[in-house]
Amino acid sequence: MARRRGQAQLDAAAGRGSTGVMTHIDDFQSRLGETRTSDWLLIDQDRVNGFADITLDHQFIHIDPERAKAEAPFGGPIAHGFLTLSMLSHFAAQCMPAFPDKAIGINYGFDKVRFLSPVPVGRRIRGKFTLASADQRRPGQIQLIHDVEVEIENAPAPALAARWLSLVVTG
């Protein structure tokens, strides 16, 4: 929550208006096309190993640095694509406007997810979110669609691109 307040203060100081609490469909529609970017996050071997343990995906290209360097085409271990995808919630919480009290955001799924570049262990990634649409489904429900990229620091191509759907439920 502190990150969101800090972002709102930065936006206000920069003359971009308040990111404040989004309370109405017009608040979302006025921000169509707006892009927000999270902070960088290090993808280290401990994080990758923990994800492998949780998902039971222990493929050597993720958890065995020596073997990955010797046998895989990536020059070393890489993060799981689904680990990269799972970080979207963390990245969104860092940079997106807060929902009003008594409102919840529900993950509604994806229209598209593409894993474009592997994330080498030891690199940093961040999320970039562009609000593509905001539609009132029924009173108290707003469907949001964000075009999302996960960037790899100093890399020519993103790790992934996705179209993420969410539902804001108030009341």
Protein backbone atom coordinates (compact mmCIF):
# COMPACT_ATOMS: atom_id res chain seq x y z
CA MET A 1 0.00 0.00 0.00
CA ALA A 2 2.87 2.39 0.74
CA ARG A 3 4.11 1.97 -2.83
CA ARG A 4 0.75 3.04 -4.23
CA ARG A 5 0.64 6.15 -2.07
CA GLY A 6 4.17 6.98 -3.12
CA GLN A 7 3.26 6.59 -6.80
CA ALA A 8 0.24 8.87 -6.33
CA GLN A 9 2.45 11.54 -4.77
CA LEU A 10 4.95 11.25 -7.62
CA ASP A 11 2.18 11.51 -10.23
CA ALA A 12 0.65 14.54 -8.55
CA ALA A 13 4.04 16.25 -8.36
CA ALA A 14 4.60 15.53 -12.05
CA GLY A 15 1.23 16.99 -12.96
CA ARG A 16 -0.23 13.68 -14.10
CA GLY A 17 -3.18 13.83 -11.75
CA SER A 18 -3.82 11.55 -8.85
CA THR A 19 -3.56 7.81 -9.18
CA GLY A 20 -5.69 7.82 -6.01
CA VAL A 21 -8.56 5.45 -5.55
CA MET A 22 -10.40 4.39 -8.67
CA THR A 23 -14.09 4.66 -7.82
CA HIS A 24 -16.06 4.83 -11.06
CA ILE A 25 -15.98 3.52 -14.63
CA ASP A 26 -15.07 7.03 -15.82
CA ASP A 27 -11.93 6.92 -13.65
CA PHE A 28 -10.75 3.85 -15.54
CA GLN A 29 -11.87 5.01 -18.99
CA SER A 30 -10.04 8.31 -18.57
CA ARG A 31 -6.82 6.28 -18.25
CA LEU A 32 -7.15 4.15 -21.38
CA GLY A 33 -3.77 3.90 -23.05
CA GLU A 34 -1.93 4.84 -19.85
CA THR A 35 1.15 2.74 -19.11
CA ARG A 36 2.49 1.99 -15.65
CA THR A 37 5.78 0.27 -14.87
CA SER A 38 6.77 -1.64 -11.74
CA ASP A 39 10.12 -1.74 -9.99
CA TRP A 40 12.79 -4.23 -11.05
CA LEU A 41 12.86 -7.64 -9.35
CA LEU A 42 15.87 -9.97 -9.24
CA ILE A 43 15.22 -13.51 -10.39
CA ASP A 44 17.81 -15.46 -8.42
CA GLN A 45 18.44 -19.20 -8.17
CA ASP A 46 16.70 -19.46 -4.77
CA ARG A 47 13.48 -18.00 -6.24
CA VAL A 48 13.65 -20.37 -9.22
CA ASN A 49 14.32 -23.39 -6.97
CA GLY A 50 11.43 -22.44 -4.69
CA PHE A 51 9.09 -22.17 -7.68
CA ALA A 52 10.32 -25.56 -8.92
CA ASP A 53 9.52 -27.08 -5.54
CA ILE A 54 6.01 -25.58 -5.44
CA THR A 55 5.12 -26.57 -9.01
CA LEU A 56 7.05 -29.87 -9.05
CA ASP A 57 8.79 -28.70 -12.24
CA HIS A 58 12.41 -29.66 -11.59
CA GLN A 59 13.66 -29.62 -15.17
CA PHE A 60 17.44 -29.18 -15.17
CA ILE A 61 17.33 -26.00 -17.28
CA HIS A 62 15.87 -24.27 -14.21
CA ILE A 63 17.55 -25.86 -11.18
CA ASP A 64 20.95 -27.23 -12.21
CA PRO A 65 23.27 -24.34 -13.18
CA GLU A 66 26.22 -26.55 -14.22
CA ARG A 67 24.16 -28.89 -16.38
CA ALA A 68 22.14 -26.00 -17.86
CA LYS A 69 25.37 -24.25 -18.83
CA ALA A 70 26.76 -27.42 -20.42
CA GLU A 71 23.66 -28.83 -22.12
CA ALA A 72 21.06 -26.08 -22.66
CA PRO A 73 21.18 -23.41 -25.37
CA PHE A 74 20.71 -20.54 -22.88
CA GLY A 75 24.20 -20.34 -21.38
CA GLY A 76 22.93 -21.21 -17.90
CA PRO A 77 19.73 -21.75 -15.94
CA ILE A 78 16.55 -19.87 -16.84
CA ALA A 79 13.41 -19.03 -14.89
CA HIS A 80 10.24 -20.98 -15.53
CA GLY A 81 7.92 -19.14 -17.91
CA PHE A 82 5.13 -19.59 -15.39
CA LEU A 83 7.30 -18.05 -12.67
CA THR A 84 7.65 -14.96 -14.84
CA LEU A 85 3.90 -14.94 -15.49
CA SER A 86 3.09 -15.40 -11.79
CA MET A 87 5.00 -12.21 -10.93
CA LEU A 88 2.33 -10.10 -12.68
CA SER A 89 0.26 -9.83 -9.49
CA HIS A 90 3.29 -8.53 -7.58
CA PHE A 91 4.18 -6.05 -10.31
CA ALA A 92 0.60 -4.80 -10.62
CA ALA A 93 0.34 -4.22 -6.86
CA GLN A 94 3.42 -2.00 -7.09
CA CYS A 95 2.30 0.35 -9.82
CA MET A 96 -1.46 0.24 -10.34
CA PRO A 97 -3.97 2.62 -8.72
CA ALA A 98 -5.68 1.39 -5.59
CA PHE A 99 -9.23 0.07 -5.67
CA PRO A 100 -11.82 1.76 -3.45
CA ASP A 101 -12.65 0.38 -0.01
CA LYS A 102 -15.00 -2.58 -0.23
CA ALA A 103 -13.87 -3.33 -3.77
CA ILE A 104 -11.93 -6.36 -4.89
CA GLY A 105 -9.94 -7.19 -7.98
CA ILE A 106 -10.50 -10.63 -9.42
CA ASN A 107 -8.16 -12.30 -11.89
CA TYR A 108 -10.43 -13.07 -14.85
CA GLY A 109 -7.83 -14.77 -17.04
CA PHE A 110 -5.85 -14.08 -20.18
CA ASP A 111 -6.84 -13.71 -23.82
CA LYS A 112 -3.23 -14.24 -24.84
CA VAL A 113 0.09 -15.15 -23.23
CA ARG A 114 3.33 -15.48 -25.16
CA PHE A 115 6.72 -16.36 -23.68
CA LEU A 116 9.05 -14.42 -25.97
CA SER A 117 12.49 -14.62 -24.33
CA PRO A 118 13.90 -16.77 -21.54
CA VAL A 119 14.81 -15.02 -18.28
CA PRO A 120 18.35 -15.98 -17.29
CA VAL A 121 18.79 -16.59 -13.57
CA GLY A 122 20.52 -13.57 -12.06
CA ARG A 123 18.70 -11.01 -14.24
CA ARG A 124 16.08 -8.48 -13.18
CA ILE A 125 12.57 -8.20 -14.60
CA ARG A 126 9.72 -5.71 -14.28
CA GLY A 127 6.11 -5.43 -15.41
CA LYS A 128 4.70 -2.84 -17.81
CA PHE A 129 0.90 -2.48 -17.89
CA THR A 130 -1.13 -0.53 -20.45
CA LEU A 131 -4.87 -0.18 -19.83
CA ALA A 132 -6.51 -1.29 -23.10
CA SER A 133 -10.17 -1.24 -22.06
CA ALA A 134 -12.54 -0.66 -19.16
CA ASP A 135 -16.15 -1.74 -19.54
CA GLN A 136 -19.06 -1.83 -17.14
CA ARG A 137 -20.38 -5.40 -17.23
CA ARG A 138 -23.24 -4.73 -14.83
CA PRO A 139 -23.68 -2.36 -11.87
CA GLY A 140 -20.76 -2.82 -9.50
CA GLN A 141 -18.61 -4.76 -12.00
CA ILE A 142 -15.94 -3.27 -14.25
CA GLN A 143 -13.92 -5.48 -16.58
CA LEU A 144 -10.40 -4.24 -17.22
CA ILE A 145 -8.07 -5.45 -19.95
CA HIS A 146 -4.36 -4.66 -19.68
CA ASP A 147 -1.74 -5.29 -22.32
CA VAL A 148 1.22 -6.49 -20.29
CA GLU A 149 4.91 -7.02 -20.93
CA VAL A 150 7.54 -8.37 -18.59
CA GLU A 151 10.82 -6.73 -19.50
CA ILE A 152 14.27 -8.16 -18.85
CA GLU A 153 16.76 -5.50 -17.83
CA ASN A 154 19.10 -4.61 -20.73
CA ALA A 155 17.53 -7.19 -23.03
CA PRO A 156 16.33 -6.42 -26.58
CA ALA A 157 13.03 -8.32 -26.21
CA PRO A 158 10.56 -8.82 -23.38
CA ALA A 159 10.25 -12.10 -21.51
CA LEU A 160 6.53 -12.24 -22.12
CA ALA A 161 3.58 -10.39 -23.57
CA ALA A 162 0.01 -10.97 -22.42
CA ARG A 163 -3.51 -9.58 -22.52
CA TRP A 164 -4.74 -9.78 -18.90
CA LEU A 165 -8.39 -9.56 -17.93
CA SER A 166 -9.55 -8.59 -14.47
CA LEU A 167 -12.81 -7.73 -12.84
CA VAL A 168 -13.28 -4.96 -10.29
CA VAL A 169 -16.26 -5.72 -8.05
CA THR A 170 -17.63 -3.00 -5.76
CA GLY A 171 -20.40 -2.91 -3.26
